[in-house]
C-alpha atoms as a PDB file:
ATOM      1  CA  MET A   1      18.986 -25.198   9.993  1.00  0.00           C
ATOM      2  CA  SER A   2      22.136 -25.030   7.932  1.00  0.00           C
ATOM      3  CA  ALA A   3      23.297 -21.587   6.591  1.00  0.00           C
ATOM      4  CA  GLU A   4      22.588 -22.529   2.980  1.00  0.00           C
ATOM      5  CA  HIS A   5      18.884 -22.832   3.730  1.00  0.00           C
ATOM      6  CA  ILE A   6      18.647 -19.348   5.371  1.00  0.00           C
ATOM      7  CA  GLN A   7      16.720 -16.923   3.094  1.00  0.00           C
ATOM      8  CA  ARG A   8      18.203 -13.423   3.402  1.00  0.00           C
ATOM      9  CA  ILE A   9      15.200 -11.123   2.727  1.00  0.00           C
ATOM     10  CA  TYR A  10      15.488  -7.363   2.301  1.00  0.00           C
ATOM     11  CA  VAL A  11      12.268  -5.454   3.268  1.00  0.00           C
ATOM     12  CA  ALA A  12      12.580  -2.033   1.722  1.00  0.00           C
ATOM     13  CA  GLY A  13      10.480   0.554   3.632  1.00  0.00           C
ATOM     14  CA  HIS A  14      10.388  -1.579   6.862  1.00  0.00           C
ATOM     15  CA  ARG A  15       9.367   1.402   9.047  1.00  0.00           C
ATOM     16  CA  GLY A  16       6.316   2.237   6.955  1.00  0.00           C
ATOM     17  CA  MET A  17       2.895   0.869   7.746  1.00  0.00           C
ATOM     18  CA  VAL A  18       3.067  -1.902   5.043  1.00  0.00           C
ATOM     19  CA  GLY A  19       6.763  -2.566   5.488  1.00  0.00           C
ATOM     20  CA  SER A  20       6.457  -2.990   9.282  1.00  0.00           C
ATOM     21  CA  ALA A  21       3.516  -5.351   8.833  1.00  0.00           C
ATOM     22  CA  ILE A  22       5.521  -7.448   6.329  1.00  0.00           C
ATOM     23  CA  VAL A  23       8.367  -7.499   8.913  1.00  0.00           C
ATOM     24  CA  ARG A  24       5.918  -8.848  11.617  1.00  0.00           C
ATOM     25  CA  GLN A  25       4.695 -11.582   9.112  1.00  0.00           C
ATOM     26  CA  LEU A  26       8.317 -12.706   8.189  1.00  0.00           C
ATOM     27  CA  SER A  27       9.754 -12.494  11.786  1.00  0.00           C
ATOM     28  CA  ASN A  28       7.615 -15.615  12.671  1.00  0.00           C
ATOM     29  CA  LYS A  29       8.946 -17.720   9.820  1.00  0.00           C
ATOM     30  CA  PRO A  30      11.818 -20.200  10.258  1.00  0.00           C
ATOM     31  CA  GLY A  31      14.871 -19.864   8.045  1.00  0.00           C
ATOM     32  CA  VAL A  32      14.421 -16.228   7.363  1.00  0.00           C
ATOM     33  CA  GLN A  33      17.069 -13.597   8.013  1.00  0.00           C
ATOM     34  CA  LEU A  34      15.625 -10.045   7.695  1.00  0.00           C
ATOM     35  CA  ILE A  35      17.739  -7.257   6.227  1.00  0.00           C
ATOM     36  CA  THR A  36      16.423  -3.688   6.811  1.00  0.00           C
ATOM     37  CA  ARG A  37      17.836  -0.107   6.391  1.00  0.00           C
ATOM     38  CA  THR A  38      16.292   3.205   7.470  1.00  0.00           C
ATOM     39  CA  SER A  39      16.129   6.066   4.887  1.00  0.00           C
ATOM     40  CA  ALA A  40      18.970   7.670   6.790  1.00  0.00           C
ATOM     41  CA  GLU A  41      21.081   4.568   6.421  1.00  0.00           C
ATOM     42  CA  LEU A  42      20.205   3.964   2.757  1.00  0.00           C
ATOM     43  CA  ASP A  43      18.732   6.503   0.438  1.00  0.00           C
ATOM     44  CA  LEU A  44      16.933   4.420  -2.148  1.00  0.00           C
ATOM     45  CA  ARG A  45      16.851   7.381  -4.549  1.00  0.00           C
ATOM     46  CA  ASP A  46      20.713   7.301  -4.710  1.00  0.00           C
ATOM     47  CA  GLN A  47      21.727   4.745  -7.381  1.00  0.00           C
ATOM     48  CA  GLN A  48      25.359   4.318  -6.083  1.00  0.00           C
ATOM     49  CA  SER A  49      24.181   3.749  -2.567  1.00  0.00           C
ATOM     50  CA  VAL A  50      21.680   1.061  -3.561  1.00  0.00           C
ATOM     51  CA  ALA A  51      24.307  -0.545  -5.849  1.00  0.00           C
ATOM     52  CA  GLU A  52      26.760  -0.698  -2.823  1.00  0.00           C
ATOM     53  CA  PHE A  53      24.028  -2.122  -0.563  1.00  0.00           C
ATOM     54  CA  PHE A  54      23.177  -5.027  -2.884  1.00  0.00           C
ATOM     55  CA  ALA A  55      26.871  -5.746  -3.671  1.00  0.00           C
ATOM     56  CA  THR A  56      27.504  -6.354   0.050  1.00  0.00           C
ATOM     57  CA  GLN A  57      24.347  -7.940   1.367  1.00  0.00           C
ATOM     58  CA  SER A  58      23.848 -11.272  -0.516  1.00  0.00           C
ATOM     59  CA  VAL A  59      20.103 -10.675  -0.765  1.00  0.00           C
ATOM     60  CA  ASP A  60      17.840 -13.589  -1.750  1.00  0.00           C
ATOM     61  CA  GLN A  61      14.526 -11.952  -1.900  1.00  0.00           C
ATOM     62  CA  VAL A  62      13.036  -8.393  -1.798  1.00  0.00           C
ATOM     63  CA  TYR A  63       9.865  -6.956  -0.632  1.00  0.00           C
ATOM     64  CA  LEU A  64       9.740  -3.420  -2.246  1.00  0.00           C
ATOM     65  CA  ALA A  65       7.348  -1.570   0.115  1.00  0.00           C
ATOM     66  CA  ALA A  66       9.347   1.706   0.217  1.00  0.00           C
ATOM     67  CA  ALA A  67       7.380   4.477  -1.321  1.00  0.00           C
ATOM     68  CA  LYS A  68       6.310   8.203  -0.849  1.00  0.00           C
ATOM     69  CA  VAL A  69       2.612   8.068  -0.150  1.00  0.00           C
ATOM     70  CA  GLY A  70      -0.072  10.516   0.879  1.00  0.00           C
ATOM     71  CA  GLY A  71      -3.748  11.486   0.318  1.00  0.00           C
ATOM     72  CA  ILE A  72      -5.464  13.826  -2.065  1.00  0.00           C
ATOM     73  CA  HIS A  73      -4.051  16.975  -0.395  1.00  0.00           C
ATOM     74  CA  ALA A  74      -0.438  15.660  -0.404  1.00  0.00           C
ATOM     75  CA  ASN A  75      -0.655  14.433  -4.039  1.00  0.00           C
ATOM     76  CA  ASN A  76      -1.876  17.841  -5.098  1.00  0.00           C
ATOM     77  CA  GLU A  77       0.682  19.791  -3.132  1.00  0.00           C
ATOM     78  CA  TYR A  78       3.871  17.754  -3.941  1.00  0.00           C
ATOM     79  CA  PRO A  79       3.386  16.089  -7.455  1.00  0.00           C
ATOM     80  CA  ALA A  80       7.035  16.393  -8.391  1.00  0.00           C
ATOM     81  CA  GLU A  81       8.205  14.590  -5.254  1.00  0.00           C
ATOM     82  CA  PHE A  82       5.594  11.803  -5.645  1.00  0.00           C
ATOM     83  CA  ILE A  83       6.666  10.959  -9.139  1.00  0.00           C
ATOM     84  CA  TYR A  84      10.489  11.553  -8.781  1.00  0.00           C
ATOM     85  CA  ASP A  85      10.928   9.801  -5.410  1.00  0.00           C
ATOM     86  CA  ASN A  86       8.907   6.673  -6.354  1.00  0.00           C
ATOM     87  CA  LEU A  87      10.428   6.305  -9.783  1.00  0.00           C
ATOM     88  CA  MET A  88      14.013   6.609  -8.355  1.00  0.00           C
ATOM     89  CA  MET A  89      13.459   4.303  -5.423  1.00  0.00           C
ATOM     90  CA  GLN A  90      11.812   1.427  -7.381  1.00  0.00           C
ATOM     91  CA  SER A  91      14.050   1.806 -10.403  1.00  0.00           C
ATOM     92  CA  ASN A  92      17.201   1.638  -8.293  1.00  0.00           C
ATOM     93  CA  VAL A  93      16.014  -1.371  -6.124  1.00  0.00           C
ATOM     94  CA  ILE A  94      14.602  -3.455  -9.065  1.00  0.00           C
ATOM     95  CA  HIS A  95      17.662  -2.795 -11.314  1.00  0.00           C
ATOM     96  CA  GLN A  96      20.263  -3.489  -8.542  1.00  0.00           C
ATOM     97  CA  ALA A  97      18.358  -6.593  -7.311  1.00  0.00           C
ATOM     98  CA  TYR A  98      18.557  -8.107 -10.878  1.00  0.00           C
ATOM     99  CA  LYS A  99      22.307  -7.131 -11.201  1.00  0.00           C
ATOM    100  CA  HIS A 100      23.182  -8.839  -8.029  1.00  0.00           C
ATOM    101  CA  GLY A 101      21.384 -12.065  -8.746  1.00  0.00           C
ATOM    102  CA  VAL A 102      18.071 -11.597  -6.783  1.00  0.00           C
ATOM    103  CA  THR A 103      15.502 -13.746  -8.700  1.00  0.00           C
ATOM    104  CA  LYS A 104      12.511 -13.115  -6.372  1.00  0.00           C
ATOM    105  CA  LEU A 105      11.120  -9.699  -5.802  1.00  0.00           C
ATOM    106  CA  LEU A 106       7.650  -8.366  -4.728  1.00  0.00           C
ATOM    107  CA  PHE A 107       6.722  -4.870  -5.774  1.00  0.00           C
ATOM    108  CA  LEU A 108       3.914  -3.110  -3.905  1.00  0.00           C
ATOM    109  CA  GLY A 109       1.797  -0.775  -6.181  1.00  0.00           C
ATOM    110  CA  SER A 110      -1.521   0.888  -5.584  1.00  0.00           C
ATOM    111  CA  SER A 111      -5.117   0.565  -6.864  1.00  0.00           C
ATOM    112  CA  CYS A 112      -4.725   4.211  -8.278  1.00  0.00           C
ATOM    113  CA  ILE A 113      -2.903   2.653 -11.233  1.00  0.00           C
ATOM    114  CA  TYR A 114      -6.274   2.031 -12.722  1.00  0.00           C
ATOM    115  CA  PRO A 115      -8.278   4.506 -14.880  1.00  0.00           C
ATOM    116  CA  LYS A 116     -10.555   6.961 -13.001  1.00  0.00           C
ATOM    117  CA  MET A 117     -13.639   5.611 -14.844  1.00  0.00           C
ATOM    118  CA  ALA A 118     -12.647   1.982 -14.903  1.00  0.00           C
ATOM    119  CA  ALA A 119     -15.408  -0.561 -14.906  1.00  0.00           C
ATOM    120  CA  GLN A 120     -16.137  -1.726 -11.196  1.00  0.00           C
ATOM    121  CA  PRO A 121     -14.955  -3.873  -9.789  1.00  0.00           C
ATOM    122  CA  MET A 122     -11.491  -3.092 -11.344  1.00  0.00           C
ATOM    123  CA  SER A 123      -9.822  -6.118 -12.784  1.00  0.00           C
ATOM    124  CA  GLU A 124      -6.023  -6.331 -13.504  1.00  0.00           C
ATOM    125  CA  ASP A 125      -6.984  -6.100 -17.232  1.00  0.00           C
ATOM    126  CA  ALA A 126      -8.043  -2.531 -16.681  1.00  0.00           C
ATOM    127  CA  LEU A 127      -4.499  -1.254 -16.632  1.00  0.00           C
ATOM    128  CA  LEU A 128      -3.756   1.400 -19.305  1.00  0.00           C
ATOM    129  CA  THR A 129      -7.320   1.479 -20.677  1.00  0.00           C
ATOM    130  CA  GLY A 130      -8.134   4.995 -19.872  1.00  0.00           C
ATOM    131  CA  TYR A 131      -7.294   8.346 -18.146  1.00  0.00           C
ATOM    132  CA  LEU A 132      -5.993   8.359 -14.534  1.00  0.00           C
ATOM    133  CA  GLU A 133      -7.534  10.303 -11.614  1.00  0.00           C
ATOM    134  CA  PRO A 134      -5.739  13.744 -12.088  1.00  0.00           C
ATOM    135  CA  THR A 135      -5.251  14.360  -8.370  1.00  0.00           C
ATOM    136  CA  ASN A 136      -2.781  11.427  -7.993  1.00  0.00           C
ATOM    137  CA  GLU A 137      -1.694  10.843 -11.618  1.00  0.00           C
ATOM    138  CA  PRO A 138       2.100  11.529 -10.703  1.00  0.00           C
ATOM    139  CA  TYR A 139       2.106   8.801  -8.127  1.00  0.00           C
ATOM    140  CA  ALA A 140       0.065   6.440 -10.303  1.00  0.00           C
ATOM    141  CA  ILE A 141       2.388   6.878 -13.249  1.00  0.00           C
ATOM    142  CA  ALA A 142       5.266   5.937 -11.031  1.00  0.00           C
ATOM    143  CA  LYS A 143       3.480   2.787  -9.793  1.00  0.00           C
ATOM    144  CA  ILE A 144       2.708   1.709 -13.320  1.00  0.00           C
ATOM    145  CA  ALA A 145       6.231   2.120 -14.265  1.00  0.00           C
ATOM    146  CA  GLY A 146       7.248  -0.156 -11.434  1.00  0.00           C
ATOM    147  CA  ILE A 147       4.873  -2.856 -12.738  1.00  0.00           C
ATOM    148  CA  LYS A 148       6.389  -2.474 -16.143  1.00  0.00           C
ATOM    149  CA  LEU A 149       9.852  -2.727 -14.757  1.00  0.00           C
ATOM    150  CA  CYS A 150       8.984  -6.013 -13.252  1.00  0.00           C
ATOM    151  CA  GLU A 151       7.412  -7.229 -16.393  1.00  0.00           C
ATOM    152  CA  SER A 152      10.184  -6.160 -18.555  1.00  0.00           C
ATOM    153  CA  TYR A 153      12.914  -7.813 -16.306  1.00  0.00           C
ATOM    154  CA  ASN A 154      10.829 -11.081 -16.197  1.00  0.00           C
ATOM    155  CA  ARG A 155      10.619 -11.006 -20.019  1.00  0.00           C
ATOM    156  CA  GLN A 156      14.142 -10.139 -20.688  1.00  0.00           C
ATOM    157  CA  TYR A 157      16.073 -11.830 -17.846  1.00  0.00           C
ATOM    158  CA  GLY A 158      13.814 -14.628 -16.740  1.00  0.00           C
ATOM    159  CA  VAL A 159      13.564 -13.412 -13.181  1.00  0.00           C
ATOM    160  CA  ASP A 160      10.494 -13.897 -11.014  1.00  0.00           C
ATOM    161  CA  TYR A 161       9.338 -10.309 -10.088  1.00  0.00           C
ATOM    162  CA  ARG A 162       5.761 -10.075  -8.873  1.00  0.00           C
ATOM    163  CA  SER A 163       3.611  -7.070  -8.182  1.00  0.00           C
ATOM    164  CA  VAL A 164       0.573  -6.688  -5.879  1.00  0.00           C
ATOM    165  CA  MET A 165      -1.828  -3.816  -6.093  1.00  0.00           C
ATOM    166  CA  PRO A 166      -3.438  -3.070  -2.663  1.00  0.00           C
ATOM    167  CA  THR A 167      -6.765  -1.169  -2.329  1.00  0.00           C
ATOM    168  CA  ASN A 168      -6.852   1.576   0.330  1.00  0.00           C
ATOM    169  CA  LEU A 169      -4.858   0.339   3.397  1.00  0.00           C
ATOM    170  CA  TYR A 170      -5.105   1.268   6.977  1.00  0.00           C
ATOM    171  CA  GLY A 171      -4.067   0.029  10.385  1.00  0.00           C
ATOM    172  CA  PRO A 172      -1.311   0.263  13.047  1.00  0.00           C
ATOM    173  CA  GLY A 173       1.629   2.607  11.863  1.00  0.00           C
ATOM    174  CA  ASP A 174      -0.622   4.640   9.574  1.00  0.00           C
ATOM    175  CA  ASN A 175       0.012   8.374   8.910  1.00  0.00           C
ATOM    176  CA  PHE A 176      -2.510  10.364  10.993  1.00  0.00           C
ATOM    177  CA  HIS A 177      -1.271  13.919   9.757  1.00  0.00           C
ATOM    178  CA  PRO A 178      -4.422  16.181   9.615  1.00  0.00           C
ATOM    179  CA  GLN A 179      -3.723  17.205   6.005  1.00  0.00           C
ATOM    180  CA  ASN A 180      -1.337  14.635   4.425  1.00  0.00           C
ATOM    181  CA  SER A 181      -2.897  11.387   5.422  1.00  0.00           C
ATOM    182  CA  HIS A 182      -5.341   9.119   3.739  1.00  0.00           C
ATOM    183  CA  VAL A 183      -8.972   9.336   4.385  1.00  0.00           C
ATOM    184  CA  LEU A 184      -9.516   6.586   7.037  1.00  0.00           C
ATOM    185  CA  PRO A 185      -6.734   7.743   9.478  1.00  0.00           C
ATOM    186  CA  ALA A 186      -7.552  11.507   8.826  1.00  0.00           C
ATOM    187  CA  LEU A 187     -11.175  10.773   9.855  1.00  0.00           C
ATOM    188  CA  LEU A 188     -10.085   8.797  12.895  1.00  0.00           C
ATOM    189  CA  ARG A 189      -8.049  11.739  14.089  1.00  0.00           C
ATOM    190  CA  ARG A 190     -10.818  14.268  13.135  1.00  0.00           C
ATOM    191  CA  PHE A 191     -13.502  12.498  15.059  1.00  0.00           C
ATOM    192  CA  HIS A 192     -11.262  11.667  18.082  1.00  0.00           C
ATOM    193  CA  GLU A 193     -10.398  15.397  18.411  1.00  0.00           C
ATOM    194  CA  ALA A 194     -14.183  16.327  18.016  1.00  0.00           C
ATOM    195  CA  VAL A 195     -14.959  14.053  20.958  1.00  0.00           C
ATOM    196  CA  GLU A 196     -12.159  15.549  22.999  1.00  0.00           C
ATOM    197  CA  ASN A 197     -13.175  19.121  22.158  1.00  0.00           C
ATOM    198  CA  LYS A 198     -16.882  18.370  22.641  1.00  0.00           C
ATOM    199  CA  GLU A 199     -17.826  19.508  19.087  1.00  0.00           C
ATOM    200  CA  SER A 200     -21.340  19.286  17.952  1.00  0.00           C
ATOM    201  CA  GLU A 201     -20.501  18.535  14.236  1.00  0.00           C
ATOM    202  CA  VAL A 202     -17.895  17.262  12.044  1.00  0.00           C
ATOM    203  CA  THR A 203     -17.621  18.156   8.315  1.00  0.00           C
ATOM    204  CA  ILE A 204     -16.017  15.846   5.869  1.00  0.00           C
ATOM    205  CA  TRP A 205     -14.432  16.722   2.431  1.00  0.00           C
ATOM    206  CA  GLY A 206     -16.488  16.187  -0.663  1.00  0.00           C
ATOM    207  CA  SER A 207     -20.006  14.959  -1.124  1.00  0.00           C
ATOM    208  CA  GLY A 208     -19.583  11.725   0.825  1.00  0.00           C
ATOM    209  CA  THR A 209     -20.833   9.709  -2.080  1.00  0.00           C
ATOM    210  CA  PRO A 210     -17.617   8.301  -3.487  1.00  0.00           C
ATOM    211  CA  LYS A 211     -17.104   4.607  -2.507  1.00  0.00           C
ATOM    212  CA  ARG A 212     -13.875   3.129  -1.368  1.00  0.00           C
ATOM    213  CA  GLU A 213     -12.630  -0.292  -0.285  1.00  0.00           C
ATOM    214  CA  PHE A 214     -10.283  -0.658   2.729  1.00  0.00           C
ATOM    215  CA  LEU A 215      -7.881  -3.362   3.667  1.00  0.00           C
ATOM    216  CA  HIS A 216      -6.228  -3.948   7.065  1.00  0.00           C
ATOM    217  CA  VAL A 217      -2.479  -3.712   6.698  1.00  0.00           C
ATOM    218  CA  ASP A 218      -1.959  -7.092   8.443  1.00  0.00           C
ATOM    219  CA  ASP A 219      -4.088  -8.649   5.742  1.00  0.00           C
ATOM    220  CA  MET A 220      -2.009  -6.988   3.093  1.00  0.00           C
ATOM    221  CA  ALA A 221       1.178  -8.306   4.694  1.00  0.00           C
ATOM    222  CA  ALA A 222      -0.228 -11.639   4.770  1.00  0.00           C
ATOM    223  CA  ALA A 223      -1.171 -11.548   1.214  1.00  0.00           C
ATOM    224  CA  CYS A 224       2.281 -10.326   0.237  1.00  0.00           C
ATOM    225  CA  VAL A 225       3.928 -13.186   1.761  1.00  0.00           C
ATOM    226  CA  PHE A 226       1.416 -15.549   0.349  1.00  0.00           C
ATOM    227  CA  VAL A 227       1.943 -14.196  -3.268  1.00  0.00           C
ATOM    228  CA  GLN A 228       5.734 -14.142  -2.805  1.00  0.00           C
ATOM    229  CA  GLU A 229       5.905 -17.781  -1.634  1.00  0.00           C
ATOM    230  CA  LEU A 230       3.489 -19.164  -4.322  1.00  0.00           C
ATOM    231  CA  ASP A 231       5.055 -21.850  -6.506  1.00  0.00           C
ATOM    232  CA  GLN A 232       5.906 -20.285  -9.789  1.00  0.00           C
ATOM    233  CA  ALA A 233       3.869 -22.769 -11.890  1.00  0.00           C
ATOM    234  CA  ILE A 234       0.731 -22.078  -9.797  1.00  0.00           C
ATOM    235  CA  TYR A 235       1.229 -18.305  -9.926  1.00  0.00           C
ATOM    236  CA  ARG A 236       1.849 -18.326 -13.692  1.00  0.00           C
ATOM    237  CA  ALA A 237      -1.358 -20.200 -14.130  1.00  0.00           C
ATOM    238  CA  GLN A 238      -3.098 -16.973 -12.941  1.00  0.00           C
ATOM    239  CA  VAL A 239      -0.610 -14.298 -13.754  1.00  0.00           C
ATOM    240  CA  SER A 240       1.499 -14.173 -17.021  1.00  0.00           C
ATOM    241  CA  PRO A 241       5.067 -12.811 -17.102  1.00  0.00           C
ATOM    242  CA  MET A 242       3.599  -9.959 -19.277  1.00  0.00           C
ATOM    243  CA  GLN A 243       1.047  -9.085 -16.644  1.00  0.00           C
ATOM    244  CA  SER A 244       2.852  -9.326 -13.422  1.00  0.00           C
ATOM    245  CA  HIS A 245       0.478  -7.475 -11.091  1.00  0.00           C
ATOM    246  CA  ILE A 246      -2.332  -8.899  -8.942  1.00  0.00           C
ATOM    247  CA  ASN A 247      -5.065  -7.046  -6.945  1.00  0.00           C
ATOM    248  CA  VAL A 248      -5.230  -7.433  -3.182  1.00  0.00           C
ATOM    249  CA  GLY A 249      -8.428  -6.204  -1.475  1.00  0.00           C
ATOM    250  CA  THR A 250     -11.546  -7.280   0.302  1.00  0.00           C
ATOM    251  CA  GLY A 251     -14.007  -6.975  -2.687  1.00  0.00           C
ATOM    252  CA  VAL A 252     -16.338  -4.905  -0.432  1.00  0.00           C
ATOM    253  CA  ASP A 253     -16.695  -1.195  -0.293  1.00  0.00           C
ATOM    254  CA  CYS A 254     -18.569   1.631   1.342  1.00  0.00           C
ATOM    255  CA  SER A 255     -19.286   5.348   0.847  1.00  0.00           C
ATOM    256  CA  ILE A 256     -17.116   7.946   2.523  1.00  0.00           C
ATOM    257  CA  LEU A 257     -20.107   9.122   4.474  1.00  0.00           C
ATOM    258  CA  GLU A 258     -20.692   5.522   5.615  1.00  0.00           C
ATOM    259  CA  LEU A 259     -17.089   5.304   6.644  1.00  0.00           C
ATOM    260  CA  ALA A 260     -17.321   8.583   8.603  1.00  0.00           C
ATOM    261  CA  GLN A 261     -20.487   7.327  10.380  1.00  0.00           C
ATOM    262  CA  LEU A 262     -18.666   4.086  11.326  1.00  0.00           C
ATOM    263  CA  ILE A 263     -15.702   5.952  12.675  1.00  0.00           C
ATOM    264  CA  ALA A 264     -17.970   8.406  14.510  1.00  0.00           C
ATOM    265  CA  LYS A 265     -19.586   5.358  16.288  1.00  0.00           C
ATOM    266  CA  THR A 266     -16.065   3.807  17.013  1.00  0.00           C
ATOM    267  CA  THR A 267     -14.820   7.072  18.537  1.00  0.00           C
ATOM    268  CA  GLY A 268     -17.963   7.783  20.537  1.00  0.00           C
ATOM    269  CA  PHE A 269     -18.848  10.911  18.553  1.00  0.00           C
ATOM    270  CA  THR A 270     -22.549  11.701  19.029  1.00  0.00           C
ATOM    271  CA  GLY A 271     -22.862  15.030  16.988  1.00  0.00           C
ATOM    272  CA  SER A 272     -23.880  15.516  13.375  1.00  0.00           C
ATOM    273  CA  VAL A 273     -21.692  14.455  10.367  1.00  0.00           C
ATOM    274  CA  LYS A 274     -21.858  16.986   7.421  1.00  0.00           C
ATOM    275  CA  THR A 275     -20.374  16.995   3.988  1.00  0.00           C
ATOM    276  CA  ASP A 276     -18.551  19.709   2.062  1.00  0.00           C
ATOM    277  CA  PRO A 277     -19.200  19.389  -1.690  1.00  0.00           C
ATOM    278  CA  SER A 278     -16.913  22.234  -2.539  1.00  0.00           C
ATOM    279  CA  LYS A 279     -14.023  19.997  -1.707  1.00  0.00           C
ATOM    280  CA  PRO A 280     -12.750  17.404  -4.256  1.00  0.00           C
ATOM    281  CA  ASP A 281     -14.307  13.885  -4.150  1.00  0.00           C
ATOM    282  CA  GLY A 282     -11.550  12.047  -6.306  1.00  0.00           C
ATOM    283  CA  THR A 283     -12.492   8.968  -8.118  1.00  0.00           C
ATOM    284  CA  PRO A 284     -16.218   8.183  -7.810  1.00  0.00           C
ATOM    285  CA  ARG A 285     -15.522   4.517  -6.907  1.00  0.00           C
ATOM    286  CA  LYS A 286     -12.633   2.270  -6.463  1.00  0.00           C
ATOM    287  CA  LEU A 287     -13.556  -1.367  -5.846  1.00  0.00           C
ATOM    288  CA  MET A 288     -11.006  -4.037  -6.726  1.00  0.00           C
ATOM    289  CA  SER A 289     -11.735  -7.340  -8.500  1.00  0.00           C
ATOM    290  CA  VAL A 290     -10.051  -9.982  -6.106  1.00  0.00           C
ATOM    291  CA  SER A 291     -11.044 -12.995  -7.971  1.00  0.00           C
ATOM    292  CA  ARG A 292      -7.550 -13.731  -9.261  1.00  0.00           C
ATOM    293  CA  LEU A 293      -6.082 -13.709  -5.746  1.00  0.00           C
ATOM    294  CA  ALA A 294      -9.152 -15.718  -4.388  1.00  0.00           C
ATOM    295  CA  ASN A 295      -8.518 -18.359  -7.071  1.00  0.00           C
ATOM    296  CA  LEU A 296      -4.833 -18.616  -5.871  1.00  0.00           C
ATOM    297  CA  GLY A 297      -6.309 -19.418  -2.464  1.00  0.00           C
ATOM    298  CA  TRP A 298      -6.076 -16.212  -0.343  1.00  0.00           C
ATOM    299  CA  THR A 299      -8.878 -13.962   0.973  1.00  0.00           C
ATOM    300  CA  ALA A 300      -9.034 -11.075   3.578  1.00  0.00           C
ATOM    301  CA  SER A 301      -9.952 -11.966   7.112  1.00  0.00           C
ATOM    302  CA  VAL A 302     -10.119  -8.610   9.112  1.00  0.00           C
ATOM    303  CA  THR A 303     -13.543  -6.862   8.917  1.00  0.00           C
ATOM    304  CA  LEU A 304     -13.714  -3.206   8.578  1.00  0.00           C
ATOM    305  CA  ASP A 305     -15.538  -2.760  11.991  1.00  0.00           C
ATOM    306  CA  GLU A 306     -12.829  -4.896  13.723  1.00  0.00           C
ATOM    307  CA  GLY A 307      -9.916  -3.108  11.833  1.00  0.00           C
ATOM    308  CA  ILE A 308     -11.156   0.325  12.686  1.00  0.00           C
ATOM    309  CA  ARG A 309     -11.408  -0.633  16.375  1.00  0.00           C
ATOM    310  CA  GLN A 310      -7.897  -2.099  16.376  1.00  0.00           C
ATOM    311  CA  THR A 311      -6.555   0.995  14.507  1.00  0.00           C
ATOM    312  CA  TYR A 312      -8.295   3.412  16.834  1.00  0.00           C
ATOM    313  CA  ASP A 313      -6.872   1.518  19.946  1.00  0.00           C
ATOM    314  CA  TRP A 314      -3.351   1.844  18.360  1.00  0.00           C
ATOM    315  CA  TYR A 315      -3.875   5.580  17.697  1.00  0.00           C
ATOM    316  CA  LYS A 316      -4.852   6.253  21.217  1.00  0.00           C
ATOM    317  CA  GLU A 317      -1.962   4.212  22.537  1.00  0.00           C
ATOM    318  CA  HIS A 318       0.552   6.199  20.407  1.00  0.00           C
ATOM    319  CA  LEU A 319      -1.130   9.531  20.530  1.00  0.00           C
ATOM    320  CA  ARG A 320       1.506  11.304  22.431  1.00  0.00           C
ATOM    321  CA  SER A 321       4.373  10.452  19.985  1.00  0.00           C
ATOM    322  CA  LEU A 322       2.168  11.040  17.063  1.00  0.00           C
ATOM    323  CA  ARG A 323       1.321  14.608  18.183  1.00  0.00           C
ATOM    324  CA  GLU A 324       5.070  15.250  18.750  1.00  0.00           C
ATOM    325  CA  VAL A 325       5.808  14.662  15.055  1.00  0.00           C
END
């Protein structure tokens, strides 16, 4: 293939769970030259460094998967970092991409952009129609700003910057920190350790009644590439330049208690599972409407049972290195 047909694609956040899954997807495609930088090599919060990077790399496309992420505990403990780091990273990348002629960019957001009490399932139209969940409002505000950056650059400069809003993600490469991780990996670790320590019961945060939707990260990566590569006319038939975001999920949810029971079964835990209603529940329900993406021709393929088994296998395989972090 001649050099002019090679697409130089920058994946920001390639070491993260989603970024690494996108790299796996793109690595199998012909005519793609991947560009990656670690956070040590390129601090995306630094405007000058990002400008110099784009000035020298001749980037054709961007997948903006870099973000500071975490669960309820982390969002409560570090709100300033969650809003500042995410605002700076996405603003620098989106602006410098535009300045250096990148016309195709995919921004990864989060389902937490929607109001706490949004009608279920949450459609893209629910954005900015109510108050956000307080525990992760700073992160959500940053992600909403990223969506609006894409919409504004589309409107003013005629670029094709798209946004995808994943539901709760999990899978290989996830963060299994006992305090700062999301619910599914946190529970996987908790139940695994309970089995190791021969504990008779495991107590989970909250009442167990909130419902959540979970999407395997390989499905998310496949959806990202699918959306990025859609013909613009087909994409715009479903997504207008003034509403650049599209939901990515399974369209199926379960309660946190049901999730805990499924993980208990996967890890071989045979004790009792209890709840602690004194701990915060977060949003009562977060189910995505995925009809827009389905109409475009994509649906998730990894079931929750299968995905948890795969993730648990990965966790056990990488347990030694995870515990050293």
